[in-house]
């Protein structure tokens, strides 16, 4: 007797979705790279990019980011090892 039930989906996708919080207005395909000015501090150059599997951490990052624009949360995809 075949099992007609749909397969159970994993609790978290593999790999999990990753999020980046900022006030910058990005478009699909834009790259977030080290070497740009940071969202935090005063004109320092970023040596790395923050991203998280936690939506709450990305929201916090957007809230802490400099600027007057509204915070934005993006689903991001790492382009290399991390």
C-alpha atoms as a PDB file:
ATOM      1  CA  UNK A   1       0.000   0.000   0.000  1.00  0.00           C
ATOM      2  CA  UNK A   2       1.711   3.236  -1.140  1.00  0.00           C
ATOM      3  CA  UNK A   3       1.968   6.177   1.225  1.00  0.00           C
ATOM      4  CA  UNK A   4      -0.193   8.949  -0.259  1.00  0.00           C
ATOM      5  CA  UNK A   5       0.799  11.506   2.351  1.00  0.00           C
ATOM      6  CA  UNK A   6       3.106  14.333   1.270  1.00  0.00           C
ATOM      7  CA  UNK A   7       6.649  14.098   2.630  1.00  0.00           C
ATOM      8  CA  UNK A   8       7.293  16.091   5.759  1.00  0.00           C
ATOM      9  CA  UNK A   9       9.209  19.275   5.126  1.00  0.00           C
ATOM     10  CA  UNK A  10      12.230  19.939   7.319  1.00  0.00           C
ATOM     11  CA  UNK A  11      11.644  22.431  10.108  1.00  0.00           C
ATOM     12  CA  UNK A  12      14.291  24.736   8.611  1.00  0.00           C
ATOM     13  CA  UNK A  13      15.218  24.885   4.934  1.00  0.00           C
ATOM     14  CA  UNK A  14      18.700  23.739   4.104  1.00  0.00           C
ATOM     15  CA  UNK A  15      20.574  26.018   4.120  1.00  0.00           C
ATOM     16  CA  UNK A  16      18.501  28.265   6.357  1.00  0.00           C
ATOM     17  CA  UNK A  17      17.461  31.651   5.013  1.00  0.00           C
ATOM     18  CA  UNK A  18      19.961  34.355   5.904  1.00  0.00           C
ATOM     19  CA  UNK A  19      18.980  37.944   6.620  1.00  0.00           C
ATOM     20  CA  UNK A  20      20.715  41.326   6.459  1.00  0.00           C
ATOM     21  CA  UNK A  21      19.280  44.398   8.186  1.00  0.00           C
ATOM     22  CA  UNK A  22      20.091  47.902   6.965  1.00  0.00           C
ATOM     23  CA  UNK A  23      18.560  51.229   5.991  1.00  0.00           C
ATOM     24  CA  UNK A  24      20.046  51.083   2.489  1.00  0.00           C
ATOM     25  CA  UNK A  25      17.636  50.556  -0.408  1.00  0.00           C
ATOM     26  CA  UNK A  26      18.952  47.485  -2.273  1.00  0.00           C
ATOM     27  CA  UNK A  27      17.681  45.767  -5.403  1.00  0.00           C
ATOM     28  CA  UNK A  28      17.668  42.112  -6.339  1.00  0.00           C
ATOM     29  CA  UNK A  29      21.180  41.194  -7.487  1.00  0.00           C
ATOM     30  CA  UNK A  30      22.979  43.948  -5.554  1.00  0.00           C
ATOM     31  CA  UNK A  31      26.082  42.709  -3.743  1.00  0.00           C
ATOM     32  CA  UNK A  32      26.819  43.573  -0.129  1.00  0.00           C
ATOM     33  CA  UNK A  33      30.597  43.511   0.115  1.00  0.00           C
ATOM     34  CA  UNK A  34      33.341  44.406   2.581  1.00  0.00           C
ATOM     35  CA  UNK A  35      35.173  47.634   1.792  1.00  0.00           C
ATOM     36  CA  UNK A  36      32.098  49.889   1.823  1.00  0.00           C
ATOM     37  CA  UNK A  37      31.242  52.373   4.551  1.00  0.00           C
ATOM     38  CA  UNK A  38      29.666  50.722   7.576  1.00  0.00           C
ATOM     39  CA  UNK A  39      26.084  51.186   8.688  1.00  0.00           C
ATOM     40  CA  UNK A  40      27.443  51.829  12.168  1.00  0.00           C
ATOM     41  CA  UNK A  41      29.988  54.269  13.518  1.00  0.00           C
ATOM     42  CA  UNK A  42      31.360  57.300  11.733  1.00  0.00           C
ATOM     43  CA  UNK A  43      32.640  56.685   8.252  1.00  0.00           C
ATOM     44  CA  UNK A  44      34.633  53.543   8.970  1.00  0.00           C
ATOM     45  CA  UNK A  45      35.258  50.978   6.248  1.00  0.00           C
ATOM     46  CA  UNK A  46      33.678  47.567   6.806  1.00  0.00           C
ATOM     47  CA  UNK A  47      36.038  44.600   6.833  1.00  0.00           C
ATOM     48  CA  UNK A  48      33.174  42.111   6.695  1.00  0.00           C
ATOM     49  CA  UNK A  49      29.417  41.825   6.124  1.00  0.00           C
ATOM     50  CA  UNK A  50      26.968  40.938   8.853  1.00  0.00           C
ATOM     51  CA  UNK A  51      24.174  38.479   8.133  1.00  0.00           C
ATOM     52  CA  UNK A  52      22.200  36.149  10.336  1.00  0.00           C
ATOM     53  CA  UNK A  53      19.910  33.141  10.248  1.00  0.00           C
ATOM     54  CA  UNK A  54      17.936  34.976  12.943  1.00  0.00           C
ATOM     55  CA  UNK A  55      15.336  37.453  11.725  1.00  0.00           C
ATOM     56  CA  UNK A  56      15.477  39.178  15.118  1.00  0.00           C
ATOM     57  CA  UNK A  57      19.209  39.892  14.705  1.00  0.00           C
ATOM     58  CA  UNK A  58      18.597  41.396  11.249  1.00  0.00           C
ATOM     59  CA  UNK A  59      15.828  43.612  12.654  1.00  0.00           C
ATOM     60  CA  UNK A  60      18.237  44.781  15.351  1.00  0.00           C
ATOM     61  CA  UNK A  61      20.865  45.548  12.683  1.00  0.00           C
ATOM     62  CA  UNK A  62      18.355  47.613  10.726  1.00  0.00           C
ATOM     63  CA  UNK A  63      17.376  49.518  13.869  1.00  0.00           C
ATOM     64  CA  UNK A  64      21.024  50.301  14.690  1.00  0.00           C
ATOM     65  CA  UNK A  65      21.957  51.352  11.151  1.00  0.00           C
ATOM     66  CA  UNK A  66      22.732  55.026  10.543  1.00  0.00           C
ATOM     67  CA  UNK A  67      20.340  57.211   8.613  1.00  0.00           C
ATOM     68  CA  UNK A  68      16.781  58.407   8.575  1.00  0.00           C
ATOM     69  CA  UNK A  69      15.388  55.917   6.070  1.00  0.00           C
ATOM     70  CA  UNK A  70      13.196  53.114   7.345  1.00  0.00           C
ATOM     71  CA  UNK A  71      14.937  49.880   8.335  1.00  0.00           C
ATOM     72  CA  UNK A  72      14.905  47.134   5.730  1.00  0.00           C
ATOM     73  CA  UNK A  73      15.417  43.398   6.040  1.00  0.00           C
ATOM     74  CA  UNK A  74      16.756  41.453   3.078  1.00  0.00           C
ATOM     75  CA  UNK A  75      17.004  37.733   2.488  1.00  0.00           C
ATOM     76  CA  UNK A  76      20.600  37.263   1.368  1.00  0.00           C
ATOM     77  CA  UNK A  77      22.632  34.453  -0.135  1.00  0.00           C
ATOM     78  CA  UNK A  78      26.330  34.050   0.758  1.00  0.00           C
ATOM     79  CA  UNK A  79      28.524  33.987  -2.354  1.00  0.00           C
ATOM     80  CA  UNK A  80      31.408  32.152  -0.713  1.00  0.00           C
ATOM     81  CA  UNK A  81      32.578  30.537   2.506  1.00  0.00           C
ATOM     82  CA  UNK A  82      31.719  32.189   5.784  1.00  0.00           C
END
